[in-house]
Amino acid sequence: MTDLGQEIGLRHRKRAAAMARIQDVALDLFDEHGYERVTVEQIADASDVSPSSVYRYFGSKEQIVLLGEFEFDTSAARLEDDADGSPLDATRRMLRAVMDHLVGDEERTRRQMRHVMSDPALEAALARQVYAASETLGEVFAERLSRSANDLEVQVLAHVVVGALLGGLHHWQGTAFAEPLRDVLDRCLDLLERGLQIDGAVSRAASP
């Protein structure tokens, strides 16, 4: 690696470490006081940084909770593409890349989801972020299927998949994180592969 590459890598690691520290401090404050009652200024003060640094790293208070999570990394799906695989196979590869990042600290992800699902503004922000992910996923599907990204079937498939994953996140939080997130999201894709067929007995058993 060149000196420039080492310098860039070191800078990236320092930035990532600073962001993780600020996010940890913020989550502690949110856990103690509630998301709405904590200001960016309080987060900055507790993190020994300026409010402008918090905004420079995260852009908004919402992104302190959301940034870095629930995003699709399409590089693995494109680099390891299998012409015989289905679009859902590509989605599974992307999810596994994301999960490899998340499972290292799934407790942090649980803490984030508790706040997201209990605050309307954060839940709306997650929905916007997930919607944007559907556009990214649509590009991958279009590439695999040799179609336009605006093709109706490509658009519907991408939005259905992402909507299913959002439903999986709601289920994960609503069941008190009883299963590993990786397993929940895999089950979402299994359901799509079965054509959304639901066993009535299972459905009734899950009902209150």
C-alpha atoms as a PDB file:
ATOM      1  CA  MET A   1       0.000   0.000   0.000  1.00  0.00           C
ATOM      2  CA  THR A   2       1.289   3.467  -0.875  1.00  0.00           C
ATOM      3  CA  ASP A   3       1.857   6.186   1.741  1.00  0.00           C
ATOM      4  CA  LEU A   4      -1.205   7.993   0.370  1.00  0.00           C
ATOM      5  CA  GLY A   5      -3.288   4.830   0.653  1.00  0.00           C
ATOM      6  CA  GLN A   6      -2.134   4.279   4.243  1.00  0.00           C
ATOM      7  CA  GLU A   7      -2.951   7.884   5.104  1.00  0.00           C
ATOM      8  CA  ILE A   8      -6.445   7.586   3.605  1.00  0.00           C
ATOM      9  CA  GLY A   9      -7.006   4.274   5.386  1.00  0.00           C
ATOM     10  CA  LEU A  10      -5.899   5.748   8.715  1.00  0.00           C
ATOM     11  CA  ARG A  11      -8.141   8.769   8.204  1.00  0.00           C
ATOM     12  CA  HIS A  12     -11.102   6.496   7.437  1.00  0.00           C
ATOM     13  CA  ARG A  13     -10.485   4.384  10.554  1.00  0.00           C
ATOM     14  CA  LYS A  14     -10.249   7.478  12.734  1.00  0.00           C
ATOM     15  CA  ARG A  15     -13.469   8.846  11.282  1.00  0.00           C
ATOM     16  CA  ALA A  16     -15.263   5.515  11.780  1.00  0.00           C
ATOM     17  CA  ALA A  17     -14.007   5.274  15.366  1.00  0.00           C
ATOM     18  CA  ALA A  18     -15.146   8.833  16.129  1.00  0.00           C
ATOM     19  CA  MET A  19     -18.585   8.161  14.649  1.00  0.00           C
ATOM     20  CA  ALA A  20     -18.950   4.913  16.616  1.00  0.00           C
ATOM     21  CA  ARG A  21     -18.011   6.700  19.834  1.00  0.00           C
ATOM     22  CA  ILE A  22     -20.517   9.502  19.226  1.00  0.00           C
ATOM     23  CA  GLN A  23     -23.224   6.979  18.341  1.00  0.00           C
ATOM     24  CA  ASP A  24     -22.542   4.981  21.515  1.00  0.00           C
ATOM     25  CA  VAL A  25     -22.784   8.135  23.635  1.00  0.00           C
ATOM     26  CA  ALA A  26     -25.983   9.162  21.852  1.00  0.00           C
ATOM     27  CA  LEU A  27     -27.608   5.756  22.349  1.00  0.00           C
ATOM     28  CA  ASP A  28     -26.759   5.906  26.057  1.00  0.00           C
ATOM     29  CA  LEU A  29     -28.437   9.321  26.287  1.00  0.00           C
ATOM     30  CA  PHE A  30     -31.450   8.159  24.263  1.00  0.00           C
ATOM     31  CA  ASP A  31     -31.813   5.083  26.486  1.00  0.00           C
ATOM     32  CA  GLU A  32     -31.735   7.236  29.608  1.00  0.00           C
ATOM     33  CA  HIS A  33     -33.799  10.250  28.541  1.00  0.00           C
ATOM     34  CA  GLY A  34     -35.654   9.293  25.344  1.00  0.00           C
ATOM     35  CA  TYR A  35     -34.783  10.227  21.782  1.00  0.00           C
ATOM     36  CA  GLU A  36     -36.910  13.392  21.639  1.00  0.00           C
ATOM     37  CA  ARG A  37     -35.512  14.874  24.859  1.00  0.00           C
ATOM     38  CA  VAL A  38     -31.852  14.664  23.820  1.00  0.00           C
ATOM     39  CA  THR A  39     -30.356  17.452  21.706  1.00  0.00           C
ATOM     40  CA  VAL A  40     -27.410  17.340  19.336  1.00  0.00           C
ATOM     41  CA  GLU A  41     -25.699  19.846  21.614  1.00  0.00           C
ATOM     42  CA  GLN A  42     -26.014  17.439  24.550  1.00  0.00           C
ATOM     43  CA  ILE A  43     -24.644  14.580  22.447  1.00  0.00           C
ATOM     44  CA  ALA A  44     -21.717  16.758  21.342  1.00  0.00           C
ATOM     45  CA  ASP A  45     -20.958  17.853  24.900  1.00  0.00           C
ATOM     46  CA  ALA A  46     -21.023  14.278  26.218  1.00  0.00           C
ATOM     47  CA  SER A  47     -18.801  13.168  23.319  1.00  0.00           C
ATOM     48  CA  ASP A  48     -16.278  16.016  23.751  1.00  0.00           C
ATOM     49  CA  VAL A  49     -16.824  17.267  20.210  1.00  0.00           C
ATOM     50  CA  SER A  50     -18.541  20.296  18.737  1.00  0.00           C
ATOM     51  CA  PRO A  51     -22.157  20.185  17.475  1.00  0.00           C
ATOM     52  CA  SER A  52     -20.820  21.030  14.011  1.00  0.00           C
ATOM     53  CA  SER A  53     -18.675  17.870  14.147  1.00  0.00           C
ATOM     54  CA  VAL A  54     -21.751  15.777  14.938  1.00  0.00           C
ATOM     55  CA  TYR A  55     -23.576  17.289  11.965  1.00  0.00           C
ATOM     56  CA  ARG A  56     -20.505  16.838   9.753  1.00  0.00           C
ATOM     57  CA  TYR A  57     -20.317  13.143  10.606  1.00  0.00           C
ATOM     58  CA  PHE A  58     -24.031  12.302  10.576  1.00  0.00           C
ATOM     59  CA  GLY A  59     -25.911  15.084   8.811  1.00  0.00           C
ATOM     60  CA  SER A  60     -28.881  15.007  11.197  1.00  0.00           C
ATOM     61  CA  LYS A  61     -29.930  13.740  14.606  1.00  0.00           C
ATOM     62  CA  GLU A  62     -31.985  10.983  12.950  1.00  0.00           C
ATOM     63  CA  GLN A  63     -28.937   9.614  11.186  1.00  0.00           C
ATOM     64  CA  ILE A  64     -27.077   9.214  14.471  1.00  0.00           C
ATOM     65  CA  VAL A  65     -29.476   6.318  15.028  1.00  0.00           C
ATOM     66  CA  LEU A  66     -29.813   5.119  11.433  1.00  0.00           C
ATOM     67  CA  LEU A  67     -26.496   5.770   9.697  1.00  0.00           C
ATOM     68  CA  GLY A  68     -24.569   2.710   8.654  1.00  0.00           C
ATOM     69  CA  GLU A  69     -27.390   0.257   9.250  1.00  0.00           C
ATOM     70  CA  PHE A  70     -30.035  -1.248   6.976  1.00  0.00           C
ATOM     71  CA  GLU A  71     -28.152  -0.269   3.824  1.00  0.00           C
ATOM     72  CA  PHE A  72     -27.483  -2.511   0.835  1.00  0.00           C
ATOM     73  CA  ASP A  73     -23.896  -3.218  -0.169  1.00  0.00           C
ATOM     74  CA  THR A  74     -24.274  -4.211  -3.809  1.00  0.00           C
ATOM     75  CA  SER A  75     -20.581  -4.771  -4.511  1.00  0.00           C
ATOM     76  CA  ALA A  76     -20.555  -8.393  -3.347  1.00  0.00           C
ATOM     77  CA  ALA A  77     -23.619  -9.231  -5.404  1.00  0.00           C
ATOM     78  CA  ARG A  78     -22.063  -7.768  -8.545  1.00  0.00           C
ATOM     79  CA  LEU A  79     -18.590  -9.202  -8.074  1.00  0.00           C
ATOM     80  CA  GLU A  80     -19.831 -12.713  -7.231  1.00  0.00           C
ATOM     81  CA  ASP A  81     -22.670 -12.717  -9.716  1.00  0.00           C
ATOM     82  CA  ASP A  82     -24.029 -16.107 -10.734  1.00  0.00           C
ATOM     83  CA  ALA A  83     -25.846 -16.067 -14.057  1.00  0.00           C
ATOM     84  CA  ASP A  84     -27.958 -19.038 -12.995  1.00  0.00           C
ATOM     85  CA  GLY A  85     -29.092 -17.443  -9.740  1.00  0.00           C
ATOM     86  CA  SER A  86     -32.352 -15.595  -9.194  1.00  0.00           C
ATOM     87  CA  PRO A  87     -32.634 -11.913  -8.231  1.00  0.00           C
ATOM     88  CA  LEU A  88     -33.430 -13.112  -4.709  1.00  0.00           C
ATOM     89  CA  ASP A  89     -30.071 -14.918  -4.680  1.00  0.00           C
ATOM     90  CA  ALA A  90     -28.403 -11.563  -5.307  1.00  0.00           C
ATOM     91  CA  THR A  91     -30.473 -10.070  -2.510  1.00  0.00           C
ATOM     92  CA  ARG A  92     -29.374 -12.808  -0.120  1.00  0.00           C
ATOM     93  CA  ARG A  93     -25.722 -12.079  -0.949  1.00  0.00           C
ATOM     94  CA  MET A  94     -26.218  -8.397  -0.246  1.00  0.00           C
ATOM     95  CA  LEU A  95     -28.020  -9.165   2.999  1.00  0.00           C
ATOM     96  CA  ARG A  96     -25.255 -11.485   4.119  1.00  0.00           C
ATOM     97  CA  ALA A  97     -22.717  -8.735   3.469  1.00  0.00           C
ATOM     98  CA  VAL A  98     -24.845  -6.369   5.568  1.00  0.00           C
ATOM     99  CA  MET A  99     -25.369  -9.008   8.263  1.00  0.00           C
ATOM    100  CA  ASP A 100     -21.640  -9.690   8.477  1.00  0.00           C
ATOM    101  CA  HIS A 101     -21.371  -6.050   9.512  1.00  0.00           C
ATOM    102  CA  LEU A 102     -24.363  -6.085  11.868  1.00  0.00           C
ATOM    103  CA  VAL A 103     -23.885  -9.373  13.691  1.00  0.00           C
ATOM    104  CA  GLY A 104     -20.596  -8.162  15.118  1.00  0.00           C
ATOM    105  CA  ASP A 105     -22.636  -5.926  17.419  1.00  0.00           C
ATOM    106  CA  GLU A 106     -26.251  -7.024  17.162  1.00  0.00           C
ATOM    107  CA  GLU A 107     -26.996  -5.524  20.575  1.00  0.00           C
ATOM    108  CA  ARG A 108     -26.273  -2.071  19.120  1.00  0.00           C
ATOM    109  CA  THR A 109     -28.705  -2.820  16.305  1.00  0.00           C
ATOM    110  CA  ARG A 110     -31.360  -3.864  18.838  1.00  0.00           C
ATOM    111  CA  ARG A 111     -30.884  -0.592  20.699  1.00  0.00           C
ATOM    112  CA  GLN A 112     -31.261   1.336  17.456  1.00  0.00           C
ATOM    113  CA  MET A 113     -34.416  -0.545  16.509  1.00  0.00           C
ATOM    114  CA  ARG A 114     -36.006   0.077  19.919  1.00  0.00           C
ATOM    115  CA  HIS A 115     -35.707   3.795  19.306  1.00  0.00           C
ATOM    116  CA  VAL A 116     -36.671   3.609  15.638  1.00  0.00           C
ATOM    117  CA  MET A 117     -39.865   1.686  16.261  1.00  0.00           C
ATOM    118  CA  SER A 118     -40.928   3.830  19.209  1.00  0.00           C
ATOM    119  CA  ASP A 119     -40.458   7.226  17.567  1.00  0.00           C
ATOM    120  CA  PRO A 120     -42.615   8.234  14.561  1.00  0.00           C
ATOM    121  CA  ALA A 121     -39.975  10.562  13.104  1.00  0.00           C
ATOM    122  CA  LEU A 122     -37.290   7.873  13.237  1.00  0.00           C
ATOM    123  CA  GLU A 123     -39.617   5.232  11.802  1.00  0.00           C
ATOM    124  CA  ALA A 124     -40.480   7.584   8.929  1.00  0.00           C
ATOM    125  CA  ALA A 125     -36.770   8.215   8.362  1.00  0.00           C
ATOM    126  CA  LEU A 126     -36.126   4.461   8.245  1.00  0.00           C
ATOM    127  CA  ALA A 127     -38.949   4.053   5.722  1.00  0.00           C
ATOM    128  CA  ARG A 128     -37.368   6.746   3.519  1.00  0.00           C
ATOM    129  CA  GLN A 129     -33.976   5.056   3.802  1.00  0.00           C
ATOM    130  CA  VAL A 130     -35.452   1.662   2.963  1.00  0.00           C
ATOM    131  CA  TYR A 131     -37.306   3.171  -0.004  1.00  0.00           C
ATOM    132  CA  ALA A 132     -34.009   4.554  -1.303  1.00  0.00           C
ATOM    133  CA  ALA A 133     -32.540   1.054  -0.903  1.00  0.00           C
ATOM    134  CA  SER A 134     -35.229  -0.258  -3.246  1.00  0.00           C
ATOM    135  CA  GLU A 135     -33.792   1.952  -6.002  1.00  0.00           C
ATOM    136  CA  THR A 136     -30.335   0.494  -5.406  1.00  0.00           C
ATOM    137  CA  LEU A 137     -31.745  -3.018  -5.408  1.00  0.00           C
ATOM    138  CA  GLY A 138     -33.674  -2.253  -8.602  1.00  0.00           C
ATOM    139  CA  GLU A 139     -30.409  -1.383 -10.336  1.00  0.00           C
ATOM    140  CA  VAL A 140     -28.979  -4.779  -9.370  1.00  0.00           C
ATOM    141  CA  PHE A 141     -32.090  -6.590 -10.601  1.00  0.00           C
ATOM    142  CA  ALA A 142     -32.089  -4.624 -13.857  1.00  0.00           C
ATOM    143  CA  GLU A 143     -28.432  -5.543 -14.415  1.00  0.00           C
ATOM    144  CA  ARG A 144     -29.080  -9.229 -13.758  1.00  0.00           C
ATOM    145  CA  LEU A 145     -32.195  -9.334 -15.946  1.00  0.00           C
ATOM    146  CA  SER A 146     -30.795  -7.135 -18.749  1.00  0.00           C
ATOM    147  CA  ARG A 147     -33.701  -4.733 -18.385  1.00  0.00           C
ATOM    148  CA  SER A 148     -34.153  -1.054 -17.756  1.00  0.00           C
ATOM    149  CA  ALA A 149     -34.110   0.032 -14.121  1.00  0.00           C
ATOM    150  CA  ASN A 150     -37.523   1.623 -14.850  1.00  0.00           C
ATOM    151  CA  ASP A 151     -39.007  -1.658 -16.087  1.00  0.00           C
ATOM    152  CA  LEU A 152     -42.315  -2.317 -14.293  1.00  0.00           C
ATOM    153  CA  GLU A 153     -41.437  -5.838 -13.151  1.00  0.00           C
ATOM    154  CA  VAL A 154     -37.993  -4.725 -11.945  1.00  0.00           C
ATOM    155  CA  GLN A 155     -39.507  -1.856  -9.957  1.00  0.00           C
ATOM    156  CA  VAL A 156     -42.244  -4.012  -8.426  1.00  0.00           C
ATOM    157  CA  LEU A 157     -39.832  -6.807  -7.516  1.00  0.00           C
ATOM    158  CA  ALA A 158     -37.346  -4.419  -5.881  1.00  0.00           C
ATOM    159  CA  HIS A 159     -40.021  -2.653  -3.839  1.00  0.00           C
ATOM    160  CA  VAL A 160     -41.694  -5.920  -2.800  1.00  0.00           C
ATOM    161  CA  VAL A 161     -38.374  -7.336  -1.590  1.00  0.00           C
ATOM    162  CA  VAL A 162     -37.456  -4.207   0.353  1.00  0.00           C
ATOM    163  CA  GLY A 163     -40.981  -3.967   1.794  1.00  0.00           C
ATOM    164  CA  ALA A 164     -40.690  -7.565   2.964  1.00  0.00           C
ATOM    165  CA  LEU A 165     -37.404  -6.802   4.693  1.00  0.00           C
ATOM    166  CA  LEU A 166     -38.933  -3.783   6.408  1.00  0.00           C
ATOM    167  CA  GLY A 167     -41.728  -6.069   7.601  1.00  0.00           C
ATOM    168  CA  GLY A 168     -39.060  -8.403   8.926  1.00  0.00           C
ATOM    169  CA  LEU A 169     -37.522  -5.577  10.959  1.00  0.00           C
ATOM    170  CA  HIS A 170     -40.931  -4.779  12.451  1.00  0.00           C
ATOM    171  CA  HIS A 171     -41.403  -8.477  13.315  1.00  0.00           C
ATOM    172  CA  TRP A 172     -37.928  -8.677  14.858  1.00  0.00           C
ATOM    173  CA  GLN A 173     -38.584  -5.698  17.128  1.00  0.00           C
ATOM    174  CA  GLY A 174     -42.168  -6.768  17.887  1.00  0.00           C
ATOM    175  CA  THR A 175     -41.033 -10.209  19.080  1.00  0.00           C
ATOM    176  CA  ALA A 176     -38.403  -8.678  21.400  1.00  0.00           C
ATOM    177  CA  PHE A 177     -35.559  -9.756  19.072  1.00  0.00           C
ATOM    178  CA  ALA A 178     -36.203 -13.430  19.812  1.00  0.00           C
ATOM    179  CA  GLU A 179     -34.315 -14.622  16.682  1.00  0.00           C
ATOM    180  CA  PRO A 180     -31.049 -13.476  15.124  1.00  0.00           C
ATOM    181  CA  LEU A 181     -31.742 -10.744  12.570  1.00  0.00           C
ATOM    182  CA  ARG A 182     -29.989 -12.737   9.848  1.00  0.00           C
ATOM    183  CA  ASP A 183     -32.498 -15.597  10.311  1.00  0.00           C
ATOM    184  CA  VAL A 184     -35.491 -13.258  10.258  1.00  0.00           C
ATOM    185  CA  LEU A 185     -34.444 -11.615   6.996  1.00  0.00           C
ATOM    186  CA  ASP A 186     -33.649 -14.989   5.422  1.00  0.00           C
ATOM    187  CA  ARG A 187     -37.187 -16.101   6.322  1.00  0.00           C
ATOM    188  CA  CYS A 188     -38.565 -12.987   4.601  1.00  0.00           C
ATOM    189  CA  LEU A 189     -36.876 -14.024   1.364  1.00  0.00           C
ATOM    190  CA  ASP A 190     -38.017 -17.636   1.825  1.00  0.00           C
ATOM    191  CA  LEU A 191     -41.595 -16.339   2.017  1.00  0.00           C
ATOM    192  CA  LEU A 192     -41.174 -14.409  -1.236  1.00  0.00           C
ATOM    193  CA  GLU A 193     -39.692 -17.465  -2.942  1.00  0.00           C
ATOM    194  CA  ARG A 194     -42.779 -19.452  -1.927  1.00  0.00           C
ATOM    195  CA  GLY A 195     -44.927 -16.861  -3.663  1.00  0.00           C
ATOM    196  CA  LEU A 196     -46.179 -15.374  -0.377  1.00  0.00           C
ATOM    197  CA  GLN A 197     -48.012 -18.598   0.450  1.00  0.00           C
ATOM    198  CA  ILE A 198     -48.846 -18.662   4.166  1.00  0.00           C
ATOM    199  CA  ASP A 199     -49.872 -21.763   6.067  1.00  0.00           C
ATOM    200  CA  GLY A 200     -53.215 -20.969   7.696  1.00  0.00           C
ATOM    201  CA  ALA A 201     -52.441 -23.062  10.783  1.00  0.00           C
ATOM    202  CA  VAL A 202     -49.199 -21.163  11.347  1.00  0.00           C
ATOM    203  CA  SER A 203     -50.989 -17.870  10.833  1.00  0.00           C
ATOM    204  CA  ARG A 204     -53.692 -18.717  13.382  1.00  0.00           C
ATOM    205  CA  ALA A 205     -51.102 -19.895  15.902  1.00  0.00           C
ATOM    206  CA  ALA A 206     -49.312 -16.578  15.608  1.00  0.00           C
ATOM    207  CA  SER A 207     -52.502 -14.621  16.176  1.00  0.00           C
ATOM    208  CA  PRO A 208     -53.207 -13.238  19.672  1.00  0.00           C
END
